[in-house]
């Protein structure tokens, strides 16, 4: 990892795959033991932080692709994702069952270039000027954070979505929980609320960003406590 060969790579690959699956599909179950497992197979802490960052970023990219309808234009050795029509989201625990999440984003300092890139993207998308009001972005982030069971968002923010039109709130929830089920009709529903394509893209990017940041926080919190 990190540019040099490491003994026992198959064991590392298996541990990394298990870690990535948990952080992606059931982040609320991730804890220090998962991070310790990576250390046990010889993965140094900077590489573990990088793994968390990569998983988080792919959670962003897949939601942007699903939300916009982008299809891969290249061959991949990975099997195509298959699902059953009408598949339901994995049940989430009540808030008291969410994993501890602290201000562990500071661990990104182990990877300075990643830290700069991450905060730069946040400043552009979440804190900068855009077609969506700041309050709308916060409501969208709250929906995505709740889907990931991210305790870094205040409880009041998690339930206050009254200022969002119902189709927008429903879209954000679906893109957060079951992004592969997003359809063109869901985007058309956003248009019916008066959003133009630029604003719709910002809705998708905001939800995708928070889905990624929540996993980044949960993953790095687990590393910090390991």
C-alpha atoms as a PDB file:
ATOM      1  CA  UNK A   1       0.000   0.000   0.000  1.00  0.00           C
ATOM      2  CA  UNK A   2       0.980   3.647  -0.429  1.00  0.00           C
ATOM      3  CA  UNK A   3       3.374   2.869  -3.241  1.00  0.00           C
ATOM      4  CA  UNK A   4       5.406  -0.033  -1.847  1.00  0.00           C
ATOM      5  CA  UNK A   5       4.795  -3.800  -1.706  1.00  0.00           C
ATOM      6  CA  UNK A   6       3.585  -5.218   1.589  1.00  0.00           C
ATOM      7  CA  UNK A   7       3.843  -8.816   2.730  1.00  0.00           C
ATOM      8  CA  UNK A   8       0.544 -10.668   3.115  1.00  0.00           C
ATOM      9  CA  UNK A   9      -1.344  -8.674   0.487  1.00  0.00           C
ATOM     10  CA  UNK A  10      -4.199 -11.203   0.121  1.00  0.00           C
ATOM     11  CA  UNK A  11      -5.016 -10.857   3.821  1.00  0.00           C
ATOM     12  CA  UNK A  12      -4.905  -7.080   3.486  1.00  0.00           C
ATOM     13  CA  UNK A  13      -7.196  -7.173   0.468  1.00  0.00           C
ATOM     14  CA  UNK A  14      -9.723  -9.291   2.346  1.00  0.00           C
ATOM     15  CA  UNK A  15      -9.609  -7.004   5.390  1.00  0.00           C
ATOM     16  CA  UNK A  16      -9.916  -3.894   3.234  1.00  0.00           C
ATOM     17  CA  UNK A  17     -12.844  -5.351   1.296  1.00  0.00           C
ATOM     18  CA  UNK A  18     -14.693  -6.161   4.517  1.00  0.00           C
ATOM     19  CA  UNK A  19     -13.967  -2.688   5.886  1.00  0.00           C
ATOM     20  CA  UNK A  20     -15.154  -0.999   2.679  1.00  0.00           C
ATOM     21  CA  UNK A  21     -18.368  -3.045   2.555  1.00  0.00           C
ATOM     22  CA  UNK A  22     -19.217  -2.188   6.148  1.00  0.00           C
ATOM     23  CA  UNK A  23     -18.452   1.519   5.793  1.00  0.00           C
ATOM     24  CA  UNK A  24     -20.479   1.709   2.582  1.00  0.00           C
ATOM     25  CA  UNK A  25     -23.546  -0.398   3.348  1.00  0.00           C
ATOM     26  CA  UNK A  26     -23.782  -0.346   7.164  1.00  0.00           C
ATOM     27  CA  UNK A  27     -21.617   2.494   8.466  1.00  0.00           C
ATOM     28  CA  UNK A  28     -23.515   2.523  11.772  1.00  0.00           C
ATOM     29  CA  UNK A  29     -21.940  -0.858  12.606  1.00  0.00           C
ATOM     30  CA  UNK A  30     -18.339   0.275  12.049  1.00  0.00           C
ATOM     31  CA  UNK A  31     -16.170   0.548  15.129  1.00  0.00           C
ATOM     32  CA  UNK A  32     -12.595   0.447  16.443  1.00  0.00           C
ATOM     33  CA  UNK A  33     -12.365  -3.332  15.985  1.00  0.00           C
ATOM     34  CA  UNK A  34     -12.739  -2.886  12.219  1.00  0.00           C
ATOM     35  CA  UNK A  35      -9.836  -0.433  12.187  1.00  0.00           C
ATOM     36  CA  UNK A  36      -7.778  -2.731  14.426  1.00  0.00           C
ATOM     37  CA  UNK A  37      -8.301  -5.531  11.928  1.00  0.00           C
ATOM     38  CA  UNK A  38      -6.597  -3.426   9.264  1.00  0.00           C
ATOM     39  CA  UNK A  39      -3.691  -2.759  11.611  1.00  0.00           C
ATOM     40  CA  UNK A  40      -3.507  -6.483  12.402  1.00  0.00           C
ATOM     41  CA  UNK A  41      -2.814  -7.297   8.734  1.00  0.00           C
ATOM     42  CA  UNK A  42      -0.028  -4.716   8.592  1.00  0.00           C
ATOM     43  CA  UNK A  43      -1.818  -1.639   7.265  1.00  0.00           C
ATOM     44  CA  UNK A  44      -0.247   1.543   8.701  1.00  0.00           C
ATOM     45  CA  UNK A  45      -2.510   4.315   9.960  1.00  0.00           C
ATOM     46  CA  UNK A  46      -1.970   6.670   6.963  1.00  0.00           C
ATOM     47  CA  UNK A  47      -3.034   3.837   4.638  1.00  0.00           C
ATOM     48  CA  UNK A  48      -6.119   3.199   6.764  1.00  0.00           C
ATOM     49  CA  UNK A  49      -7.015   6.891   6.590  1.00  0.00           C
ATOM     50  CA  UNK A  50      -6.567   6.744   2.830  1.00  0.00           C
ATOM     51  CA  UNK A  51      -8.852   3.701   2.663  1.00  0.00           C
ATOM     52  CA  UNK A  52     -11.553   5.605   4.568  1.00  0.00           C
ATOM     53  CA  UNK A  53     -11.161   8.544   2.192  1.00  0.00           C
ATOM     54  CA  UNK A  54     -11.428   6.343  -0.893  1.00  0.00           C
ATOM     55  CA  UNK A  55     -14.570   4.611   0.376  1.00  0.00           C
ATOM     56  CA  UNK A  56     -16.107   7.981   1.199  1.00  0.00           C
ATOM     57  CA  UNK A  57     -15.275   9.397  -2.227  1.00  0.00           C
ATOM     58  CA  UNK A  58     -16.762   6.427  -4.061  1.00  0.00           C
ATOM     59  CA  UNK A  59     -19.938   6.843  -2.026  1.00  0.00           C
ATOM     60  CA  UNK A  60     -19.998  10.367  -3.475  1.00  0.00           C
ATOM     61  CA  UNK A  61     -19.246   9.328  -7.046  1.00  0.00           C
ATOM     62  CA  UNK A  62     -21.782   6.501  -7.185  1.00  0.00           C
ATOM     63  CA  UNK A  63     -24.577   8.766  -5.952  1.00  0.00           C
ATOM     64  CA  UNK A  64     -23.725  11.422  -8.508  1.00  0.00           C
ATOM     65  CA  UNK A  65     -23.754   8.749 -11.207  1.00  0.00           C
ATOM     66  CA  UNK A  66     -27.048   7.258 -10.018  1.00  0.00           C
ATOM     67  CA  UNK A  67     -28.672  10.639  -9.493  1.00  0.00           C
ATOM     68  CA  UNK A  68     -27.744  11.960 -12.930  1.00  0.00           C
ATOM     69  CA  UNK A  69     -28.111   8.698 -14.839  1.00  0.00           C
ATOM     70  CA  UNK A  70     -24.461   8.518 -15.885  1.00  0.00           C
ATOM     71  CA  UNK A  71     -23.492   5.149 -17.344  1.00  0.00           C
ATOM     72  CA  UNK A  72     -19.913   3.838 -17.335  1.00  0.00           C
ATOM     73  CA  UNK A  73     -18.315   4.297 -20.759  1.00  0.00           C
ATOM     74  CA  UNK A  74     -15.435   1.904 -20.066  1.00  0.00           C
ATOM     75  CA  UNK A  75     -14.946  -1.797 -19.432  1.00  0.00           C
ATOM     76  CA  UNK A  76     -14.373  -2.916 -15.862  1.00  0.00           C
ATOM     77  CA  UNK A  77     -13.275  -6.259 -14.403  1.00  0.00           C
ATOM     78  CA  UNK A  78     -15.721  -5.702 -11.544  1.00  0.00           C
ATOM     79  CA  UNK A  79     -19.082  -7.490 -11.733  1.00  0.00           C
ATOM     80  CA  UNK A  80     -22.082  -5.353 -12.528  1.00  0.00           C
ATOM     81  CA  UNK A  81     -24.175  -4.422  -9.535  1.00  0.00           C
ATOM     82  CA  UNK A  82     -27.420  -6.399  -9.505  1.00  0.00           C
ATOM     83  CA  UNK A  83     -30.484  -5.702  -7.402  1.00  0.00           C
ATOM     84  CA  UNK A  84     -34.104  -6.714  -7.179  1.00  0.00           C
ATOM     85  CA  UNK A  85     -36.647  -4.151  -8.297  1.00  0.00           C
ATOM     86  CA  UNK A  86     -38.286  -2.686  -5.246  1.00  0.00           C
ATOM     87  CA  UNK A  87     -35.334  -3.504  -2.981  1.00  0.00           C
ATOM     88  CA  UNK A  88     -35.694  -1.793   0.375  1.00  0.00           C
ATOM     89  CA  UNK A  89     -33.078   0.114   2.313  1.00  0.00           C
ATOM     90  CA  UNK A  90     -31.271  -1.667   5.121  1.00  0.00           C
ATOM     91  CA  UNK A  91     -33.058  -0.829   8.399  1.00  0.00           C
ATOM     92  CA  UNK A  92     -31.308   1.851  10.446  1.00  0.00           C
ATOM     93  CA  UNK A  93     -31.021   1.719  14.241  1.00  0.00           C
ATOM     94  CA  UNK A  94     -32.477   4.369  16.508  1.00  0.00           C
ATOM     95  CA  UNK A  95     -30.203   7.316  17.213  1.00  0.00           C
ATOM     96  CA  UNK A  96     -28.955   5.841  20.481  1.00  0.00           C
ATOM     97  CA  UNK A  97     -27.555   2.960  18.436  1.00  0.00           C
ATOM     98  CA  UNK A  98     -25.454   5.185  16.173  1.00  0.00           C
ATOM     99  CA  UNK A  99     -21.659   4.958  16.448  1.00  0.00           C
ATOM    100  CA  UNK A 100     -19.738   7.696  18.293  1.00  0.00           C
ATOM    101  CA  UNK A 101     -18.648  10.392  15.856  1.00  0.00           C
ATOM    102  CA  UNK A 102     -16.233  13.116  16.892  1.00  0.00           C
ATOM    103  CA  UNK A 103     -14.149  15.784  15.207  1.00  0.00           C
ATOM    104  CA  UNK A 104     -11.693  13.203  13.886  1.00  0.00           C
ATOM    105  CA  UNK A 105     -11.456  14.795  10.432  1.00  0.00           C
ATOM    106  CA  UNK A 106      -8.130  16.079  11.773  1.00  0.00           C
ATOM    107  CA  UNK A 107      -6.708  12.652  10.922  1.00  0.00           C
ATOM    108  CA  UNK A 108      -6.747  13.783   7.303  1.00  0.00           C
ATOM    109  CA  UNK A 109      -3.628  15.778   8.204  1.00  0.00           C
ATOM    110  CA  UNK A 110      -1.781  12.470   7.771  1.00  0.00           C
ATOM    111  CA  UNK A 111      -2.502  12.931   4.061  1.00  0.00           C
ATOM    112  CA  UNK A 112      -2.053  16.683   3.437  1.00  0.00           C
ATOM    113  CA  UNK A 113      -3.041  16.619  -0.237  1.00  0.00           C
ATOM    114  CA  UNK A 114      -6.247  14.730   0.556  1.00  0.00           C
ATOM    115  CA  UNK A 115      -7.041  17.152   3.383  1.00  0.00           C
ATOM    116  CA  UNK A 116      -6.628  20.176   1.113  1.00  0.00           C
ATOM    117  CA  UNK A 117      -8.732  18.621  -1.649  1.00  0.00           C
ATOM    118  CA  UNK A 118     -11.524  17.561   0.712  1.00  0.00           C
ATOM    119  CA  UNK A 119     -11.877  20.916   2.413  1.00  0.00           C
ATOM    120  CA  UNK A 120     -11.644  22.698  -0.921  1.00  0.00           C
ATOM    121  CA  UNK A 121     -14.536  20.672  -2.284  1.00  0.00           C
ATOM    122  CA  UNK A 122     -16.598  21.353   0.836  1.00  0.00           C
ATOM    123  CA  UNK A 123     -15.921  25.091   0.590  1.00  0.00           C
ATOM    124  CA  UNK A 124     -17.039  25.094  -3.023  1.00  0.00           C
ATOM    125  CA  UNK A 125     -20.122  22.899  -2.713  1.00  0.00           C
ATOM    126  CA  UNK A 126     -21.454  23.436   0.795  1.00  0.00           C
ATOM    127  CA  UNK A 127     -20.186  26.814   1.927  1.00  0.00           C
ATOM    128  CA  UNK A 128     -19.797  28.668  -1.367  1.00  0.00           C
ATOM    129  CA  UNK A 129     -22.247  30.445  -3.636  1.00  0.00           C
ATOM    130  CA  UNK A 130     -24.642  28.221  -5.532  1.00  0.00           C
ATOM    131  CA  UNK A 131     -28.162  27.844  -6.892  1.00  0.00           C
ATOM    132  CA  UNK A 132     -29.527  26.491  -3.589  1.00  0.00           C
ATOM    133  CA  UNK A 133     -30.003  28.536  -0.405  1.00  0.00           C
ATOM    134  CA  UNK A 134     -27.717  27.566   2.463  1.00  0.00           C
ATOM    135  CA  UNK A 135     -30.733  26.469   4.529  1.00  0.00           C
ATOM    136  CA  UNK A 136     -31.816  24.079   1.764  1.00  0.00           C
ATOM    137  CA  UNK A 137     -28.346  22.579   1.581  1.00  0.00           C
ATOM    138  CA  UNK A 138     -28.409  22.021   5.340  1.00  0.00           C
ATOM    139  CA  UNK A 139     -31.761  20.244   5.155  1.00  0.00           C
ATOM    140  CA  UNK A 140     -30.459  18.003   2.362  1.00  0.00           C
ATOM    141  CA  UNK A 141     -27.331  17.254   4.374  1.00  0.00           C
ATOM    142  CA  UNK A 142     -29.462  16.372   7.384  1.00  0.00           C
ATOM    143  CA  UNK A 143     -31.409  13.788   5.385  1.00  0.00           C
ATOM    144  CA  UNK A 144     -28.214  12.205   4.062  1.00  0.00           C
ATOM    145  CA  UNK A 145     -26.578  12.243   7.506  1.00  0.00           C
ATOM    146  CA  UNK A 146     -29.589  10.539   9.058  1.00  0.00           C
ATOM    147  CA  UNK A 147     -29.437   7.807   6.402  1.00  0.00           C
ATOM    148  CA  UNK A 148     -25.792   7.165   7.331  1.00  0.00           C
ATOM    149  CA  UNK A 149     -26.528   7.355  11.099  1.00  0.00           C
ATOM    150  CA  UNK A 150     -24.029  10.191  11.439  1.00  0.00           C
ATOM    151  CA  UNK A 151     -24.214  11.692  14.915  1.00  0.00           C
ATOM    152  CA  UNK A 152     -22.207  14.796  14.006  1.00  0.00           C
ATOM    153  CA  UNK A 153     -25.411  16.556  12.895  1.00  0.00           C
ATOM    154  CA  UNK A 154     -27.517  18.066  15.668  1.00  0.00           C
ATOM    155  CA  UNK A 155     -30.763  16.153  16.393  1.00  0.00           C
ATOM    156  CA  UNK A 156     -32.929  19.153  15.522  1.00  0.00           C
ATOM    157  CA  UNK A 157     -31.346  19.323  12.073  1.00  0.00           C
ATOM    158  CA  UNK A 158     -32.148  15.679  11.421  1.00  0.00           C
ATOM    159  CA  UNK A 159     -35.903  16.159  11.548  1.00  0.00           C
ATOM    160  CA  UNK A 160     -36.402  19.726  10.343  1.00  0.00           C
ATOM    161  CA  UNK A 161     -37.163  19.287   6.650  1.00  0.00           C
ATOM    162  CA  UNK A 162     -40.386  21.283   6.612  1.00  0.00           C
ATOM    163  CA  UNK A 163     -38.948  23.891   4.261  1.00  0.00           C
ATOM    164  CA  UNK A 164     -38.225  21.297   1.562  1.00  0.00           C
ATOM    165  CA  UNK A 165     -40.876  20.374  -1.004  1.00  0.00           C
ATOM    166  CA  UNK A 166     -41.882  16.746  -0.509  1.00  0.00           C
ATOM    167  CA  UNK A 167     -40.428  15.564  -3.859  1.00  0.00           C
ATOM    168  CA  UNK A 168     -37.040  17.074  -2.935  1.00  0.00           C
ATOM    169  CA  UNK A 169     -37.002  15.468   0.507  1.00  0.00           C
ATOM    170  CA  UNK A 170     -38.074  12.114  -0.971  1.00  0.00           C
ATOM    171  CA  UNK A 171     -35.379  12.324  -3.651  1.00  0.00           C
ATOM    172  CA  UNK A 172     -32.694  13.100  -1.065  1.00  0.00           C
ATOM    173  CA  UNK A 173     -33.778  10.174   1.081  1.00  0.00           C
ATOM    174  CA  UNK A 174     -33.788   7.732  -1.832  1.00  0.00           C
ATOM    175  CA  UNK A 175     -30.435   8.911  -3.158  1.00  0.00           C
ATOM    176  CA  UNK A 176     -28.993   8.503   0.343  1.00  0.00           C
ATOM    177  CA  UNK A 177     -30.439   5.079   1.177  1.00  0.00           C
ATOM    178  CA  UNK A 178     -30.985   3.279  -2.151  1.00  0.00           C
ATOM    179  CA  UNK A 179     -29.199   5.348  -4.825  1.00  0.00           C
ATOM    180  CA  UNK A 180     -29.320   2.505  -7.360  1.00  0.00           C
ATOM    181  CA  UNK A 181     -33.111   2.801  -7.460  1.00  0.00           C
ATOM    182  CA  UNK A 182     -33.069   6.452  -8.564  1.00  0.00           C
ATOM    183  CA  UNK A 183     -34.947   6.931 -11.841  1.00  0.00           C
ATOM    184  CA  UNK A 184     -35.537   9.668 -14.391  1.00  0.00           C
ATOM    185  CA  UNK A 185     -39.018  10.103 -12.920  1.00  0.00           C
ATOM    186  CA  UNK A 186     -37.420  11.152  -9.624  1.00  0.00           C
ATOM    187  CA  UNK A 187     -35.524  13.912 -11.403  1.00  0.00           C
ATOM    188  CA  UNK A 188     -38.690  14.955 -13.237  1.00  0.00           C
ATOM    189  CA  UNK A 189     -40.370  15.296  -9.843  1.00  0.00           C
ATOM    190  CA  UNK A 190     -37.647  17.760  -8.847  1.00  0.00           C
ATOM    191  CA  UNK A 191     -38.308  19.765 -11.997  1.00  0.00           C
ATOM    192  CA  UNK A 192     -41.977  19.901 -11.050  1.00  0.00           C
ATOM    193  CA  UNK A 193     -40.997  21.942  -7.965  1.00  0.00           C
ATOM    194  CA  UNK A 194     -39.432  24.635 -10.161  1.00  0.00           C
ATOM    195  CA  UNK A 195     -35.790  23.554  -9.905  1.00  0.00           C
ATOM    196  CA  UNK A 196     -33.750  23.944 -13.075  1.00  0.00           C
ATOM    197  CA  UNK A 197     -31.048  21.463 -14.099  1.00  0.00           C
ATOM    198  CA  UNK A 198     -28.250  23.407 -12.389  1.00  0.00           C
ATOM    199  CA  UNK A 199     -30.142  23.420  -9.090  1.00  0.00           C
ATOM    200  CA  UNK A 200     -30.988  19.715  -9.482  1.00  0.00           C
ATOM    201  CA  UNK A 201     -27.312  18.912 -10.005  1.00  0.00           C
ATOM    202  CA  UNK A 202     -26.567  20.839  -6.827  1.00  0.00           C
ATOM    203  CA  UNK A 203     -29.202  18.813  -4.944  1.00  0.00           C
ATOM    204  CA  UNK A 204     -27.556  15.598  -6.137  1.00  0.00           C
ATOM    205  CA  UNK A 205     -24.046  16.814  -5.312  1.00  0.00           C
ATOM    206  CA  UNK A 206     -25.052  18.020  -1.837  1.00  0.00           C
ATOM    207  CA  UNK A 207     -26.688  14.728  -0.896  1.00  0.00           C
ATOM    208  CA  UNK A 208     -23.767  12.786  -2.355  1.00  0.00           C
ATOM    209  CA  UNK A 209     -21.269  14.971  -0.513  1.00  0.00           C
ATOM    210  CA  UNK A 210     -22.915  14.434   2.863  1.00  0.00           C
ATOM    211  CA  UNK A 211     -23.194  10.695   2.229  1.00  0.00           C
ATOM    212  CA  UNK A 212     -19.433  10.737   1.714  1.00  0.00           C
ATOM    213  CA  UNK A 213     -18.588  13.061   4.606  1.00  0.00           C
ATOM    214  CA  UNK A 214     -20.700  11.051   7.047  1.00  0.00           C
ATOM    215  CA  UNK A 215     -18.775   7.919   6.130  1.00  0.00           C
ATOM    216  CA  UNK A 216     -15.522   9.836   6.382  1.00  0.00           C
ATOM    217  CA  UNK A 217     -16.407  10.993   9.901  1.00  0.00           C
ATOM    218  CA  UNK A 218     -17.611   7.569  11.020  1.00  0.00           C
ATOM    219  CA  UNK A 219     -14.585   5.825   9.536  1.00  0.00           C
ATOM    220  CA  UNK A 220     -12.030   8.243  10.935  1.00  0.00           C
ATOM    221  CA  UNK A 221     -13.737   8.202  14.341  1.00  0.00           C
ATOM    222  CA  UNK A 222     -13.346   4.414  14.375  1.00  0.00           C
ATOM    223  CA  UNK A 223      -9.662   4.789  13.459  1.00  0.00           C
ATOM    224  CA  UNK A 224      -9.121   7.410  16.164  1.00  0.00           C
ATOM    225  CA  UNK A 225     -10.609   5.083  18.792  1.00  0.00           C
ATOM    226  CA  UNK A 226      -8.676   2.007  17.663  1.00  0.00           C
END
